[in-house]
């Protein structure tokens, strides 16, 4: 036995922490502005903004799904 501490082995426990299902779904695409006319530039900017938002959301949700899949494999 060491003079500096105990030889006891610490207990290691896995605690299930599942992410809420609400985090696995993206919100719907926002509607177009309530403007009678949009220029081609405004339309292009909106399309790029919607595409960027979707790509960000899809990438984040894919990471969350991978994390949940790993946790389910551990629980088996």
Foldseek 3Di string as FASTA:
>chain_A
DDPVDDPDDDDDDDDDDQDDCVLLDDDDQDDDDPDPDDDPVRVVVSVVVSVVVVVVSVVVNVVSVVVNVVSVVVVD
